[in-house]
Amino acid sequence: MEHKNVQKWAAEFIGTFWLVFGGCGSAVLAAAFPGGLGIGFVGVSLAFGLTVLSGAYAFGGISGGHFNPAVSVGLAVAGRFRAAELPGYVVSQVLGAIAGAGVLYLIATGKDGAQVGGFATNGFGAHSPGGYGLAAALLCEIVLTAIFLLVILGATSRRNTPGFGGMAIGLCLTLIHLVSIPVTNTSVNPARSTGPALFGPSYAMGELWLFWVAPLAGAVLGALIYRLLLVSPVDQLHPTLARDAAA
């Protein structure tokens, strides 16, 4: 059992590392690349979606492919994940995000006169890309994280065709970024916000609380909506939990 837990934690660490390094790396290194070669908002949105899509197929069979404390909490509330496993998952995800941001920082500062700017951190008010205030940022993160959980729960439901969940989830995260980069630079993931905040401008740590509170609240909201209104008897127990219960 301990070896199995280590495998799960390793998968969550690597998957979250990849999400932060790939997604935030695209924003820091490629979004505004000079000469008209920058990938912009659309490219960054696709990068985040692709990290989750590729990570889900690479590591989902080991750990479930959460890569996000809010997703882990939401799945636990929805009955798809053991609450007792939350501490190990959340610690692994946060450490993976910090490692991903740390490697990205070393690369981004690896040239003369390097300027990392906001370092893909999240913010509101004066630190929102579009100048959106605290209330707008809070609402945006809650609503989009709730939708993200609904898509995750629906796409991985046993009522749907197996094998396509990762694609739906990755595309959903892409759309979430297309909507909310101007508002908060998009979090919907407390680990993703924590890693860059540790290496970015000082204001990021002061505003980090919102990017824990709002995604966690949104995840719980989405999980409750699904559990109360959308779940079917066949989804009452996640297949992994069902197998363990029968063992």
Protein backbone atom coordinates (compact mmCIF):
# COMPACT_ATOMS: atom_id res chain seq x y z
CA MET A 1 0.00 0.00 0.00
CA GLU A 2 2.84 2.43 0.83
CA HIS A 3 4.50 1.78 -2.55
CA LYS A 4 1.19 2.43 -4.29
CA ASN A 5 0.82 5.73 -2.44
CA VAL A 6 4.33 6.79 -3.44
CA GLN A 7 3.47 6.07 -7.07
CA LYS A 8 0.34 8.22 -6.81
CA TRP A 9 2.21 11.07 -5.15
CA ALA A 10 4.98 10.88 -7.75
CA ALA A 11 2.41 10.99 -10.57
CA GLU A 12 0.70 14.03 -9.03
CA PHE A 13 4.05 15.75 -8.47
CA ILE A 14 5.20 15.19 -12.06
CA GLY A 15 1.82 16.04 -13.56
CA THR A 16 1.56 19.31 -11.63
CA PHE A 17 5.19 20.11 -12.44
CA TRP A 18 4.33 19.69 -16.11
CA LEU A 19 1.19 21.81 -15.84
CA VAL A 20 3.05 24.72 -14.23
CA PHE A 21 6.21 24.44 -16.29
CA GLY A 22 4.36 23.98 -19.58
CA GLY A 23 1.45 26.33 -18.99
CA CYS A 24 3.21 29.13 -17.13
CA GLY A 25 6.31 28.59 -19.25
CA SER A 26 4.34 29.38 -22.37
CA ALA A 27 3.16 32.63 -20.75
CA VAL A 28 6.58 33.67 -19.46
CA LEU A 29 8.74 32.63 -22.42
CA ALA A 30 6.52 32.64 -25.50
CA ALA A 31 3.40 34.78 -25.05
CA ALA A 32 4.99 38.10 -25.97
CA PHE A 33 7.99 36.88 -27.95
CA PRO A 34 9.24 39.74 -30.16
CA GLY A 35 9.02 39.90 -33.92
CA GLY A 36 5.36 38.95 -34.05
CA LEU A 37 6.16 35.36 -33.01
CA GLY A 38 4.45 35.49 -29.62
CA ILE A 39 1.67 32.99 -28.97
CA GLY A 40 -0.58 35.42 -27.05
CA PHE A 41 -3.63 34.52 -24.96
CA VAL A 42 -4.76 31.79 -27.34
CA GLY A 43 -1.41 30.04 -27.31
CA VAL A 44 -1.14 30.16 -23.52
CA SER A 45 -4.69 28.83 -23.19
CA LEU A 46 -3.87 25.93 -25.50
CA ALA A 47 -0.65 25.24 -23.60
CA PHE A 48 -2.48 24.83 -20.30
CA GLY A 49 -5.08 22.59 -21.92
CA LEU A 50 -2.39 20.46 -23.55
CA THR A 51 -0.48 19.98 -20.31
CA VAL A 52 -3.60 18.63 -18.62
CA LEU A 53 -4.59 16.53 -21.62
CA SER A 54 -1.16 14.94 -21.97
CA GLY A 55 -0.73 14.56 -18.21
CA ALA A 56 -4.12 12.91 -17.84
CA TYR A 57 -3.27 10.23 -20.39
CA ALA A 58 0.28 9.77 -19.08
CA PHE A 59 -0.45 9.66 -15.34
CA GLY A 60 -4.21 9.33 -14.98
CA GLY A 61 -4.01 5.56 -14.71
CA ILE A 62 -1.69 5.90 -11.70
CA SER A 63 -3.17 8.71 -9.63
CA GLY A 64 -6.34 9.79 -11.42
CA GLY A 65 -4.55 12.80 -12.92
CA HIS A 66 -5.79 15.55 -10.60
CA PHE A 67 -2.78 17.95 -10.67
CA ASN A 68 -4.88 20.44 -8.72
CA PRO A 69 -5.86 20.61 -5.01
CA ALA A 70 -9.28 21.99 -5.95
CA VAL A 71 -9.94 18.99 -8.21
CA SER A 72 -8.91 16.57 -5.46
CA VAL A 73 -11.20 18.29 -2.96
CA GLY A 74 -14.07 18.40 -5.44
CA LEU A 75 -13.71 14.71 -6.29
CA ALA A 76 -13.72 13.87 -2.58
CA VAL A 77 -16.92 15.87 -2.05
CA ALA A 78 -18.48 14.12 -5.05
CA GLY A 79 -17.61 10.69 -3.64
CA ARG A 80 -15.08 9.91 -6.37
CA PHE A 81 -11.99 10.09 -4.16
CA ARG A 82 -11.09 9.15 -0.58
CA ALA A 83 -10.82 12.20 1.69
CA ALA A 84 -8.08 10.38 3.62
CA GLU A 85 -5.86 10.63 0.54
CA LEU A 86 -6.20 14.41 0.25
CA PRO A 87 -3.14 15.44 2.32
CA GLY A 88 -0.72 13.35 0.26
CA TYR A 89 -2.18 14.56 -3.01
CA VAL A 90 -2.25 18.25 -2.05
CA VAL A 91 1.32 18.22 -0.73
CA SER A 92 2.54 16.45 -3.90
CA GLN A 93 0.70 18.91 -6.13
CA VAL A 94 2.00 22.00 -4.34
CA LEU A 95 5.57 20.68 -4.32
CA GLY A 96 5.30 19.82 -8.02
CA ALA A 97 4.06 23.33 -8.78
CA ILE A 98 6.90 24.90 -6.80
CA ALA A 99 9.45 22.72 -8.60
CA GLY A 100 7.95 23.57 -11.99
CA ALA A 101 8.01 27.29 -11.21
CA GLY A 102 11.57 27.02 -9.87
CA VAL A 103 12.90 25.37 -13.03
CA LEU A 104 11.02 27.90 -15.14
CA TYR A 105 12.54 30.76 -13.14
CA LEU A 106 16.07 29.42 -13.69
CA ILE A 107 15.43 29.24 -17.44
CA ALA A 108 13.68 32.62 -17.67
CA THR A 109 16.55 34.39 -15.88
CA GLY A 110 19.21 32.59 -17.91
CA LYS A 111 20.09 35.45 -20.24
CA ASP A 112 21.57 38.91 -19.85
CA GLY A 113 19.05 41.54 -18.86
CA ALA A 114 16.28 38.99 -18.27
CA GLN A 115 12.98 40.43 -17.06
CA VAL A 116 10.42 37.91 -15.79
CA GLY A 117 7.70 40.54 -15.29
CA GLY A 118 4.66 39.15 -13.51
CA PHE A 119 5.98 35.59 -13.94
CA ALA A 120 2.52 34.27 -14.84
CA THR A 121 1.22 35.03 -11.35
CA ASN A 122 -2.45 35.55 -10.61
CA GLY A 123 -3.89 38.81 -9.35
CA PHE A 124 -6.83 41.18 -9.12
CA GLY A 125 -7.34 44.93 -9.14
CA ALA A 126 -4.14 46.61 -10.27
CA HIS A 127 -2.58 43.20 -10.85
CA SER A 128 -5.38 41.82 -13.02
CA PRO A 129 -4.37 41.81 -16.71
CA GLY A 130 -7.60 43.62 -17.51
CA GLY A 131 -7.92 45.63 -14.29
CA TYR A 132 -10.78 43.57 -12.83
CA GLY A 133 -11.50 44.02 -9.13
CA LEU A 134 -11.60 41.56 -6.25
CA ALA A 135 -15.32 40.75 -6.56
CA ALA A 136 -15.06 40.03 -10.28
CA ALA A 137 -11.96 37.89 -9.77
CA LEU A 138 -13.59 35.95 -6.94
CA LEU A 139 -16.76 35.28 -8.92
CA CYS A 140 -14.85 34.33 -12.04
CA GLU A 141 -12.64 31.81 -10.24
CA ILE A 142 -15.54 30.26 -8.32
CA VAL A 143 -17.77 29.86 -11.37
CA LEU A 144 -15.07 28.55 -13.69
CA THR A 145 -13.73 26.07 -11.12
CA ALA A 146 -17.29 24.83 -10.52
CA ILE A 147 -17.75 24.31 -14.27
CA PHE A 148 -14.36 22.59 -14.45
CA LEU A 149 -15.45 20.11 -11.78
CA LEU A 150 -18.75 19.49 -13.53
CA VAL A 151 -16.91 18.72 -16.77
CA ILE A 152 -14.43 16.45 -14.99
CA LEU A 153 -17.17 14.53 -13.22
CA GLY A 154 -19.29 14.27 -16.33
CA ALA A 155 -16.47 13.39 -18.71
CA THR A 156 -15.22 10.60 -16.42
CA SER A 157 -18.68 9.25 -15.70
CA ARG A 158 -19.26 5.58 -16.49
CA ARG A 159 -22.25 6.72 -18.58
CA ASN A 160 -19.86 8.19 -21.14
CA THR A 161 -17.49 6.58 -23.62
CA PRO A 162 -14.29 5.64 -21.79
CA GLY A 163 -10.98 7.02 -22.97
CA PHE A 164 -12.14 10.50 -24.00
CA GLY A 165 -12.28 12.15 -20.58
CA GLY A 166 -8.78 13.60 -20.80
CA MET A 167 -9.58 15.31 -24.09
CA ALA A 168 -12.75 16.93 -22.75
CA ILE A 169 -10.99 18.07 -19.58
CA GLY A 170 -8.02 19.53 -21.48
CA LEU A 171 -10.28 21.41 -23.89
CA CYS A 172 -12.36 22.68 -20.99
CA LEU A 173 -9.25 24.10 -19.32
CA THR A 174 -8.31 25.75 -22.61
CA LEU A 175 -11.70 27.47 -22.77
CA ILE A 176 -11.45 28.49 -19.11
CA HIS A 177 -8.18 30.26 -19.88
CA LEU A 178 -9.60 31.96 -22.96
CA VAL A 179 -12.33 33.44 -20.75
CA SER A 180 -10.39 34.34 -17.63
CA ILE A 181 -6.81 35.27 -18.53
CA PRO A 182 -7.92 38.92 -18.82
CA VAL A 183 -9.59 38.74 -15.39
CA THR A 184 -7.15 36.93 -13.09
CA ASN A 185 -4.54 35.43 -15.43
CA THR A 186 -6.47 32.23 -14.66
CA SER A 187 -5.93 30.05 -11.65
CA VAL A 188 -8.73 27.53 -10.96
CA ASN A 189 -5.83 25.69 -9.31
CA PRO A 190 -4.28 26.70 -5.96
CA ALA A 191 -1.04 24.81 -6.66
CA ARG A 192 -0.60 26.54 -10.04
CA SER A 193 -0.98 29.90 -8.26
CA THR A 194 1.37 29.05 -5.39
CA GLY A 195 4.41 27.99 -7.44
CA PRO A 196 4.80 31.15 -9.54
CA ALA A 197 3.85 33.40 -6.58
CA LEU A 198 6.94 32.22 -4.70
CA PHE A 199 9.22 33.35 -7.53
CA GLY A 200 7.24 36.28 -8.91
CA PRO A 201 6.67 39.86 -7.74
CA SER A 202 5.99 40.43 -4.04
CA TYR A 203 2.33 41.36 -4.50
CA ALA A 204 1.53 37.82 -5.70
CA MET A 205 1.94 36.29 -2.24
CA GLY A 206 -0.34 38.95 -0.74
CA GLU A 207 -3.13 38.06 -3.18
CA LEU A 208 -2.57 34.30 -3.17
CA TRP A 209 -5.33 33.74 -0.60
CA LEU A 210 -8.01 34.41 -3.22
CA PHE A 211 -6.57 31.76 -5.51
CA TRP A 212 -6.92 29.18 -2.77
CA VAL A 213 -10.30 30.25 -1.43
CA ALA A 214 -12.11 30.74 -4.75
CA PRO A 215 -11.03 27.53 -6.53
CA LEU A 216 -11.72 25.41 -3.45
CA ALA A 217 -15.15 27.00 -3.02
CA GLY A 218 -15.90 26.53 -6.72
CA ALA A 219 -14.79 22.91 -6.62
CA VAL A 220 -17.08 22.15 -3.69
CA LEU A 221 -19.95 23.96 -5.42
CA GLY A 222 -19.46 22.02 -8.65
CA ALA A 223 -19.20 18.72 -6.83
CA LEU A 224 -22.39 19.38 -4.85
CA ILE A 225 -24.31 20.40 -7.97
CA TYR A 226 -23.23 17.22 -9.72
CA ARG A 227 -23.93 15.00 -6.74
CA LEU A 228 -27.35 16.50 -6.00
CA LEU A 229 -28.66 17.04 -9.54
CA LEU A 230 -26.71 15.08 -12.13
CA VAL A 231 -25.31 11.88 -10.66
CA SER A 232 -26.84 8.54 -11.63
CA PRO A 233 -26.84 5.30 -9.60
CA VAL A 234 -24.05 3.88 -11.76
CA ASP A 235 -21.80 6.76 -10.68
CA GLN A 236 -22.52 6.62 -6.98
CA LEU A 237 -19.18 4.94 -6.40
CA HIS A 238 -16.07 5.56 -8.47
CA PRO A 239 -14.80 2.38 -10.16
CA THR A 240 -11.53 2.46 -8.19
CA LEU A 241 -13.38 2.75 -4.90
CA ALA A 242 -15.79 0.01 -5.96
CA ARG A 243 -12.93 -2.38 -6.70
CA ASP A 244 -11.29 -1.61 -3.38
CA ALA A 245 -14.55 -2.10 -1.52
CA ALA A 246 -15.04 -5.48 -3.12
CA ALA A 247 -11.48 -6.62 -2.37
